[in-house]
Amino acid sequence: MYTALLHYIGHAEHNEAYRLKLKAMFDMMMTSWEEILRVNLRRDTSQQKLEKVIRIIDIHFAGLITHDLIYKDPLKYKTLTKDFLELMMSYLE
């Protein structure tokens, strides 16, 4: 999956069709993250704050893909991701 994503990213700079496919995929992921987070949040969490956290989470996982490909240390990154998600949830509370 990582390789396919990197393939699309490599082509997206010069090919609008690839960029639009990636954008649709990312938009779908953002919607999924919002649905997941809404279940676990207080009702008064602002949409702006939620969208900010969703983007930050997405950016984390984009970097995680790169680190996984290079460092091959899943246990380390699993621990870091758990800490990161806890930090994001505390920000939203």
Protein backbone atom coordinates (compact mmCIF):
# COMPACT_ATOMS: atom_id res chain seq x y z
CA MET A 1 0.00 0.00 0.00
CA TYR A 2 2.84 2.39 0.85
CA THR A 3 4.43 1.83 -2.52
CA ALA A 4 1.15 2.55 -4.32
CA LEU A 5 0.68 5.75 -2.32
CA LEU A 6 4.22 6.89 -3.08
CA HIS A 7 3.67 6.07 -6.76
CA TYR A 8 0.60 8.32 -6.85
CA ILE A 9 2.35 11.09 -4.94
CA GLY A 10 5.26 10.97 -7.37
CA HIS A 11 2.91 11.45 -10.31
CA ALA A 12 0.58 13.97 -8.67
CA GLU A 13 3.01 16.85 -9.13
CA HIS A 14 2.80 16.62 -12.91
CA ASN A 15 -0.53 14.89 -13.54
CA GLU A 16 -3.79 16.47 -12.42
CA ALA A 17 -5.68 13.16 -12.60
CA TYR A 18 -3.34 11.61 -10.02
CA ARG A 19 -3.59 14.68 -7.79
CA LEU A 20 -7.39 14.56 -7.88
CA LYS A 21 -7.43 10.85 -7.04
CA LEU A 22 -5.15 11.47 -4.08
CA LYS A 23 -7.25 14.41 -2.96
CA ALA A 24 -10.39 12.26 -3.05
CA MET A 25 -8.64 9.56 -1.05
CA PHE A 26 -7.36 12.06 1.53
CA ASP A 27 -10.79 13.69 1.80
CA MET A 28 -12.30 10.27 2.46
CA MET A 29 -9.71 9.59 5.17
CA MET A 30 -10.40 12.98 6.78
CA THR A 31 -14.11 12.16 6.92
CA SER A 32 -13.33 8.79 8.51
CA TRP A 33 -11.12 10.41 11.14
CA GLU A 34 -13.85 12.94 11.93
CA GLU A 35 -16.43 10.17 12.41
CA ILE A 36 -14.06 8.25 14.70
CA LEU A 37 -13.17 11.30 16.78
CA ARG A 38 -16.71 12.63 17.10
CA VAL A 39 -17.72 9.43 18.91
CA ASN A 40 -15.08 10.06 21.58
CA LEU A 41 -15.30 13.84 22.03
CA ARG A 42 -17.30 16.26 24.07
CA ARG A 43 -20.13 17.77 22.06
CA ASP A 44 -18.76 21.30 22.47
CA THR A 45 -15.52 20.62 20.57
CA SER A 46 -15.42 23.17 17.77
CA GLN A 47 -15.41 22.05 14.14
CA GLN A 48 -12.32 24.22 13.56
CA LYS A 49 -10.38 22.52 16.36
CA LEU A 50 -11.47 19.09 15.16
CA GLU A 51 -10.41 19.80 11.57
CA LYS A 52 -7.03 21.04 12.79
CA VAL A 53 -6.42 17.84 14.75
CA ILE A 54 -7.55 15.67 11.85
CA ARG A 55 -4.99 17.35 9.56
CA ILE A 56 -2.26 16.94 12.18
CA ILE A 57 -3.11 13.25 12.59
CA ASP A 58 -3.05 12.76 8.84
CA ILE A 59 0.34 14.46 8.62
CA HIS A 60 1.62 12.19 11.39
CA PHE A 61 0.62 9.08 9.48
CA ALA A 62 2.15 10.40 6.24
CA GLY A 63 5.46 10.77 8.05
CA LEU A 64 4.97 7.42 9.73
CA ILE A 65 4.82 5.72 6.33
CA THR A 66 8.19 7.19 5.41
CA HIS A 67 9.79 6.23 8.73
CA ASP A 68 8.40 2.71 8.51
CA LEU A 69 9.92 2.26 5.07
CA ILE A 70 13.31 3.54 6.22
CA TYR A 71 13.75 2.44 9.84
CA LYS A 72 11.73 -0.81 9.99
CA ASP A 73 11.03 -0.41 13.72
CA PRO A 74 7.27 -1.00 14.08
CA LEU A 75 7.30 -1.35 17.88
CA LYS A 76 8.99 2.03 18.34
CA TYR A 77 6.55 3.78 16.00
CA LYS A 78 3.54 1.99 17.47
CA THR A 79 4.51 3.40 20.88
CA LEU A 80 5.14 6.88 19.45
CA THR A 81 1.81 6.82 17.61
CA LYS A 82 -0.04 5.84 20.79
CA ASP A 83 1.59 8.75 22.63
CA PHE A 84 0.84 11.10 19.75
CA LEU A 85 -2.85 10.14 19.59
CA GLU A 86 -3.19 10.55 23.35
CA LEU A 87 -1.68 14.03 23.01
CA MET A 88 -4.16 14.93 20.27
CA MET A 89 -7.09 13.67 22.33
CA SER A 90 -5.97 15.69 25.36
CA TYR A 91 -5.80 18.78 23.13
CA LEU A 92 -9.40 18.21 22.08
CA GLU A 93 -10.70 17.76 25.62
